[in-house]
PDB file of N, CA and C in Angstrom:
ATOM      1  N   MET A   1     -23.294 -23.204  34.895  1.00  0.00           N
ATOM      2  CA  MET A   1     -21.891 -22.949  34.617  1.00  0.00           C
ATOM      3  C   MET A   1     -21.267 -22.392  35.896  1.00  0.00           C
ATOM      4  N   ASN A   2     -20.179 -23.020  36.311  1.00  0.00           N
ATOM      5  CA  ASN A   2     -19.531 -22.544  37.529  1.00  0.00           C
ATOM      6  C   ASN A   2     -18.474 -21.498  37.195  1.00  0.00           C
ATOM      7  N   THR A   3     -17.878 -20.949  38.224  1.00  0.00           N
ATOM      8  CA  THR A   3     -16.916 -19.866  38.067  1.00  0.00           C
ATOM      9  C   THR A   3     -15.698 -20.306  37.265  1.00  0.00           C
ATOM     10  N   GLU A   4     -15.204 -21.500  37.499  1.00  0.00           N
ATOM     11  CA  GLU A   4     -14.029 -21.994  36.775  1.00  0.00           C
ATOM     12  C   GLU A   4     -14.314 -22.116  35.280  1.00  0.00           C
ATOM     13  N   GLN A   5     -15.478 -22.636  34.933  1.00  0.00           N
ATOM     14  CA  GLN A   5     -15.849 -22.765  33.515  1.00  0.00           C
ATOM     15  C   GLN A   5     -16.000 -21.393  32.871  1.00  0.00           C
ATOM     16  N   LEU A   6     -16.591 -20.481  33.609  1.00  0.00           N
ATOM     17  CA  LEU A   6     -16.768 -19.123  33.091  1.00  0.00           C
ATOM     18  C   LEU A   6     -15.408 -18.469  32.852  1.00  0.00           C
ATOM     19  N   ASN A   7     -14.489 -18.626  33.792  1.00  0.00           N
ATOM     20  CA  ASN A   7     -13.145 -18.066  33.625  1.00  0.00           C
ATOM     21  C   ASN A   7     -12.431 -18.680  32.427  1.00  0.00           C
ATOM     22  N   GLN A   8     -12.556 -19.982  32.245  1.00  0.00           N
ATOM     23  CA  GLN A   8     -11.938 -20.648  31.095  1.00  0.00           C
ATOM     24  C   GLN A   8     -12.527 -20.130  29.786  1.00  0.00           C
ATOM     25  N   ALA A   9     -13.841 -19.977  29.762  1.00  0.00           N
ATOM     26  CA  ALA A   9     -14.500 -19.464  28.555  1.00  0.00           C
ATOM     27  C   ALA A   9     -14.040 -18.045  28.252  1.00  0.00           C
ATOM     28  N   LEU A  10     -13.918 -17.220  29.283  1.00  0.00           N
ATOM     29  CA  LEU A  10     -13.459 -15.843  29.086  1.00  0.00           C
ATOM     30  C   LEU A  10     -12.004 -15.810  28.614  1.00  0.00           C
ATOM     31  N   GLN A  11     -11.148 -16.660  29.172  1.00  0.00           N
ATOM     32  CA  GLN A  11      -9.753 -16.720  28.746  1.00  0.00           C
ATOM     33  C   GLN A  11      -9.643 -17.155  27.287  1.00  0.00           C
ATOM     34  N   MET A  12     -10.454 -18.118  26.887  1.00  0.00           N
ATOM     35  CA  MET A  12     -10.450 -18.556  25.489  1.00  0.00           C
ATOM     36  C   MET A  12     -10.900 -17.427  24.575  1.00  0.00           C
ATOM     37  N   THR A  13     -11.918 -16.712  25.004  1.00  0.00           N
ATOM     38  CA  THR A  13     -12.430 -15.593  24.209  1.00  0.00           C
ATOM     39  C   THR A  13     -11.367 -14.516  24.062  1.00  0.00           C
ATOM     40  N   ILE A  14     -10.693 -14.203  25.161  1.00  0.00           N
ATOM     41  CA  ILE A  14      -9.637 -13.189  25.121  1.00  0.00           C
ATOM     42  C   ILE A  14      -8.519 -13.624  24.180  1.00  0.00           C
ATOM     43  N   ARG A  15      -8.097 -14.889  24.242  1.00  0.00           N
ATOM     44  CA  ARG A  15      -7.042 -15.387  23.340  1.00  0.00           C
ATOM     45  C   ARG A  15      -7.485 -15.290  21.880  1.00  0.00           C
ATOM     46  N   GLU A  16      -8.721 -15.680  21.603  1.00  0.00           N
ATOM     47  CA  GLU A  16      -9.224 -15.619  20.226  1.00  0.00           C
ATOM     48  C   GLU A  16      -9.296 -14.184  19.728  1.00  0.00           C
ATOM     49  N   MET A  17      -9.756 -13.280  20.596  1.00  0.00           N
ATOM     50  CA  MET A  17      -9.841 -11.872  20.203  1.00  0.00           C
ATOM     51  C   MET A  17      -8.447 -11.290  19.986  1.00  0.00           C
ATOM     52  N   SER A  18      -7.501 -11.689  20.813  1.00  0.00           N
ATOM     53  CA  SER A  18      -6.128 -11.215  20.671  1.00  0.00           C
ATOM     54  C   SER A  18      -5.530 -11.705  19.357  1.00  0.00           C
ATOM     55  N   THR A  19      -5.756 -12.964  19.037  1.00  0.00           N
ATOM     56  CA  THR A  19      -5.257 -13.526  17.779  1.00  0.00           C
ATOM     57  C   THR A  19      -5.883 -12.816  16.586  1.00  0.00           C
ATOM     58  N   THR A  20      -7.180 -12.604  16.643  1.00  0.00           N
ATOM     59  CA  THR A  20      -7.879 -11.913  15.557  1.00  0.00           C
ATOM     60  C   THR A  20      -7.358 -10.496  15.395  1.00  0.00           C
ATOM     61  N   SER A  21      -7.153  -9.817  16.515  1.00  0.00           N
ATOM     62  CA  SER A  21      -6.633  -8.453  16.472  1.00  0.00           C
ATOM     63  C   SER A  21      -5.225  -8.421  15.888  1.00  0.00           C
ATOM     64  N   THR A  22      -4.387  -9.348  16.306  1.00  0.00           N
ATOM     65  CA  THR A  22      -3.019  -9.422  15.785  1.00  0.00           C
ATOM     66  C   THR A  22      -3.027  -9.675  14.284  1.00  0.00           C
ATOM     67  N   ASN A  23      -3.845 -10.608  13.848  1.00  0.00           N
ATOM     68  CA  ASN A  23      -3.937 -10.904  12.412  1.00  0.00           C
ATOM     69  C   ASN A  23      -4.411  -9.691  11.626  1.00  0.00           C
ATOM     70  N   SER A  24      -5.362  -8.965  12.177  1.00  0.00           N
ATOM     71  CA  SER A  24      -5.864  -7.761  11.503  1.00  0.00           C
ATOM     72  C   SER A  24      -4.777  -6.699  11.402  1.00  0.00           C
ATOM     73  N   MET A  25      -4.008  -6.534  12.468  1.00  0.00           N
ATOM     74  CA  MET A  25      -2.925  -5.548  12.446  1.00  0.00           C
ATOM     75  C   MET A  25      -1.850  -5.936  11.440  1.00  0.00           C
ATOM     76  N   ILE A  26      -1.517  -7.215  11.388  1.00  0.00           N
ATOM     77  CA  ILE A  26      -0.513  -7.681  10.423  1.00  0.00           C
ATOM     78  C   ILE A  26      -0.995  -7.426   8.999  1.00  0.00           C
ATOM     79  N   THR A  27      -2.243  -7.772   8.728  1.00  0.00           N
ATOM     80  CA  THR A  27      -2.813  -7.545   7.401  1.00  0.00           C
ATOM     81  C   THR A  27      -2.805  -6.068   7.051  1.00  0.00           C
ATOM     82  N   SER A  28      -3.197  -5.240   8.000  1.00  0.00           N
ATOM     83  CA  SER A  28      -3.219  -3.796   7.776  1.00  0.00           C
ATOM     84  C   SER A  28      -1.820  -3.264   7.478  1.00  0.00           C
ATOM     85  N   ASN A  29      -0.837  -3.728   8.229  1.00  0.00           N
ATOM     86  CA  ASN A  29       0.536  -3.268   8.013  1.00  0.00           C
ATOM     87  C   ASN A  29       1.081  -3.724   6.664  1.00  0.00           C
ATOM     88  N   ILE A  30       0.776  -4.940   6.279  1.00  0.00           N
ATOM     89  CA  ILE A  30       1.213  -5.434   4.966  1.00  0.00           C
ATOM     90  C   ILE A  30       0.592  -4.593   3.854  1.00  0.00           C
ATOM     91  N   LEU A  31      -0.699  -4.321   3.970  1.00  0.00           N
ATOM     92  CA  LEU A  31      -1.373  -3.504   2.957  1.00  0.00           C
ATOM     93  C   LEU A  31      -0.798  -2.094   2.915  1.00  0.00           C
ATOM     94  N   SER A  32      -0.459  -1.550   4.067  1.00  0.00           N
ATOM     95  CA  SER A  32       0.135  -0.217   4.125  1.00  0.00           C
ATOM     96  C   SER A  32       1.488  -0.191   3.419  1.00  0.00           C
ATOM     97  N   ILE A  33       2.293  -1.210   3.647  1.00  0.00           N
ATOM     98  CA  ILE A  33       3.596  -1.310   2.987  1.00  0.00           C
ATOM     99  C   ILE A  33       3.417  -1.441   1.479  1.00  0.00           C
ATOM    100  N   GLN A  34       2.482  -2.282   1.054  1.00  0.00           N
ATOM    101  CA  GLN A  34       2.235  -2.467  -0.377  1.00  0.00           C
ATOM    102  C   GLN A  34       1.735  -1.178  -1.018  1.00  0.00           C
ATOM    103  N   LEU A  35       0.904  -0.436  -0.298  1.00  0.00           N
ATOM    104  CA  LEU A  35       0.400   0.831  -0.823  1.00  0.00           C
ATOM    105  C   LEU A  35       1.542   1.828  -0.996  1.00  0.00           C
ATOM    106  N   ASP A  36       2.422   1.917  -0.002  1.00  0.00           N
ATOM    107  CA  ASP A  36       3.576   2.814  -0.111  1.00  0.00           C
ATOM    108  C   ASP A  36       4.458   2.436  -1.296  1.00  0.00           C
ATOM    109  N   GLU A  37       4.703   1.143  -1.466  1.00  0.00           N
ATOM    110  CA  GLU A  37       5.520   0.689  -2.592  1.00  0.00           C
ATOM    111  C   GLU A  37       4.854   1.024  -3.919  1.00  0.00           C
ATOM    112  N   GLN A  38       3.550   0.862  -3.997  1.00  0.00           N
ATOM    113  CA  GLN A  38       2.834   1.159  -5.235  1.00  0.00           C
ATOM    114  C   GLN A  38       2.860   2.650  -5.536  1.00  0.00           C
ATOM    115  N   ARG A  39       2.736   3.464  -4.500  1.00  0.00           N
ATOM    116  CA  ARG A  39       2.813   4.919  -4.704  1.00  0.00           C
ATOM    117  C   ARG A  39       4.186   5.318  -5.239  1.00  0.00           C
ATOM    118  N   GLU A  40       5.236   4.724  -4.674  1.00  0.00           N
ATOM    119  CA  GLU A  40       6.590   5.011  -5.163  1.00  0.00           C
ATOM    120  C   GLU A  40       6.738   4.591  -6.623  1.00  0.00           C
ATOM    121  N   GLU A  41       6.213   3.431  -6.963  1.00  0.00           N
ATOM    122  CA  GLU A  41       6.276   2.957  -8.350  1.00  0.00           C
ATOM    123  C   GLU A  41       5.490   3.885  -9.273  1.00  0.00           C
ATOM    124  N   ASN A  42       4.336   4.335  -8.831  1.00  0.00           N
ATOM    125  CA  ASN A  42       3.534   5.260  -9.637  1.00  0.00           C
ATOM    126  C   ASN A  42       4.277   6.569  -9.870  1.00  0.00           C
ATOM    127  N   GLN A  43       4.961   7.072  -8.837  1.00  0.00           N
ATOM    128  CA  GLN A  43       5.735   8.303  -8.993  1.00  0.00           C
ATOM    129  C   GLN A  43       6.874   8.098  -9.992  1.00  0.00           C
ATOM    130  N   ARG A  44       7.536   6.951  -9.898  1.00  0.00           N
ATOM    131  CA  ARG A  44       8.628   6.644 -10.826  1.00  0.00           C
ATOM    132  C   ARG A  44       8.112   6.577 -12.262  1.00  0.00           C
ATOM    133  N   LEU A  45       6.978   5.907 -12.436  1.00  0.00           N
ATOM    134  CA  LEU A  45       6.403   5.785 -13.776  1.00  0.00           C
ATOM    135  C   LEU A  45       5.923   7.137 -14.300  1.00  0.00           C
ATOM    136  N   GLN A  46       5.354   7.968 -13.429  1.00  0.00           N
ATOM    137  CA  GLN A  46       4.893   9.281 -13.872  1.00  0.00           C
ATOM    138  C   GLN A  46       6.077  10.140 -14.297  1.00  0.00           C
ATOM    139  N   ALA A  47       7.178  10.040 -13.574  1.00  0.00           N
ATOM    140  CA  ALA A  47       8.381  10.787 -13.956  1.00  0.00           C
ATOM    141  C   ALA A  47       8.869  10.329 -15.329  1.00  0.00           C
ATOM    142  N   ARG A  48       8.807   9.042 -15.580  1.00  0.00           N
ATOM    143  CA  ARG A  48       9.222   8.505 -16.891  1.00  0.00           C
ATOM    144  C   ARG A  48       8.283   8.981 -17.996  1.00  0.00           C
ATOM    145  N   VAL A  49       6.982   8.990 -17.720  1.00  0.00           N
ATOM    146  CA  VAL A  49       6.007   9.495 -18.695  1.00  0.00           C
ATOM    147  C   VAL A  49       6.305  10.957 -19.008  1.00  0.00           C
ATOM    148  N   ASP A  50       6.552  11.753 -17.969  1.00  0.00           N
ATOM    149  CA  ASP A  50       6.865  13.170 -18.179  1.00  0.00           C
ATOM    150  C   ASP A  50       8.122  13.326 -19.037  1.00  0.00           C
ATOM    151  N   GLU A  51       9.125  12.503 -18.755  1.00  0.00           N
ATOM    152  CA  GLU A  51      10.362  12.548 -19.527  1.00  0.00           C
ATOM    153  C   GLU A  51      10.112  12.194 -20.992  1.00  0.00           C
ATOM    154  N   LEU A  52       9.347  11.146 -21.225  1.00  0.00           N
ATOM    155  CA  LEU A  52       9.066  10.723 -22.599  1.00  0.00           C
ATOM    156  C   LEU A  52       8.201  11.741 -23.337  1.00  0.00           C
ATOM    157  N   GLU A  53       7.250  12.345 -22.638  1.00  0.00           N
ATOM    158  CA  GLU A  53       6.423  13.375 -23.278  1.00  0.00           C
ATOM    159  C   GLU A  53       7.268  14.578 -23.667  1.00  0.00           C
ATOM    160  N   ALA A  54       8.217  14.950 -22.814  1.00  0.00           N
ATOM    161  CA  ALA A  54       9.104  16.072 -23.136  1.00  0.00           C
ATOM    162  C   ALA A  54       9.957  15.741 -24.356  1.00  0.00           C
ATOM    163  N   LEU A  55      10.467  14.524 -24.425  1.00  0.00           N
ATOM    164  CA  LEU A  55      11.247  14.109 -25.595  1.00  0.00           C
ATOM    165  C   LEU A  55      10.395  14.109 -26.859  1.00  0.00           C
ATOM    166  N   LEU A  56       9.177  13.640 -26.748  1.00  0.00           N
ATOM    167  CA  LEU A  56       8.273  13.619 -27.893  1.00  0.00           C
ATOM    168  C   LEU A  56       7.964  15.034 -28.359  1.00  0.00           C
ATOM    169  N   ASP A  57       7.691  15.924 -27.417  1.00  0.00           N
ATOM    170  CA  ASP A  57       7.421  17.319 -27.773  1.00  0.00           C
ATOM    171  C   ASP A  57       8.624  17.934 -28.483  1.00  0.00           C
ATOM    172  N   GLU A  58       9.808  17.623 -27.987  1.00  0.00           N
ATOM    173  CA  GLU A  58      11.027  18.162 -28.585  1.00  0.00           C
ATOM    174  C   GLU A  58      11.221  17.642 -30.007  1.00  0.00           C
ATOM    175  N   GLN A  59      10.915  16.384 -30.229  1.00  0.00           N
ATOM    176  CA  GLN A  59      11.099  15.777 -31.548  1.00  0.00           C
ATOM    177  C   GLN A  59      10.021  16.193 -32.544  1.00  0.00           C
ATOM    178  N   THR A  60       8.859  16.569 -32.070  1.00  0.00           N
ATOM    179  CA  THR A  60       7.749  16.867 -32.982  1.00  0.00           C
ATOM    180  C   THR A  60       7.464  18.356 -33.131  1.00  0.00           C
ATOM    181  N   LYS A  61       8.178  19.213 -32.403  1.00  0.00           N
ATOM    182  CA  LYS A  61       7.924  20.645 -32.564  1.00  0.00           C
ATOM    183  C   LYS A  61       8.466  21.105 -33.915  1.00  0.00           C
ATOM    184  N   PRO A  62       7.824  22.090 -34.508  1.00  0.00           N
ATOM    185  CA  PRO A  62       8.295  22.574 -35.813  1.00  0.00           C
ATOM    186  C   PRO A  62       9.706  23.157 -35.699  1.00  0.00           C
ATOM    187  N   ALA A  63      10.499  22.933 -36.731  1.00  0.00           N
ATOM    188  CA  ALA A  63      11.869  23.460 -36.753  1.00  0.00           C
ATOM    189  C   ALA A  63      11.826  24.964 -36.955  1.00  0.00           C
ATOM    190  N   ASP A  64      12.758  25.664 -36.304  1.00  0.00           N
ATOM    191  CA  ASP A  64      12.843  27.118 -36.492  1.00  0.00           C
ATOM    192  C   ASP A  64      13.305  27.414 -37.922  1.00  0.00           C
ATOM    193  N   LYS A  65      12.776  28.480 -38.510  1.00  0.00           N
ATOM    194  CA  LYS A  65      13.124  28.831 -39.888  1.00  0.00           C
ATOM    195  C   LYS A  65      14.547  29.348 -40.003  1.00  0.00           C
ATOM    196  N   GLY A  66      15.138  29.795 -38.915  1.00  0.00           N
ATOM    197  CA  GLY A  66      16.483  30.356 -38.953  1.00  0.00           C
ATOM    198  C   GLY A  66      17.565  29.298 -39.060  1.00  0.00           C
ATOM    199  N   GLU A  67      17.232  28.041 -38.974  1.00  0.00           N
ATOM    200  CA  GLU A  67      18.260  26.997 -39.003  1.00  0.00           C
ATOM    201  C   GLU A  67      18.565  26.529 -40.396  1.00  0.00           C
TER     202      GLU A  67
END
């Protein structure tokens, strides 16, 4: 293998590694965005659960005898 072939092989390797790295970063960023969105949705749903539990507690607590 001569120097020119070696340089071409190294350039191809660098391009492939760069592409792989870019794809990995894109995938990681997409997953990070999806995780943030899911966390926000979970917080919204938990707030709704808390609200509904409070309403249920209010509706099912025994009535005061003074009323």
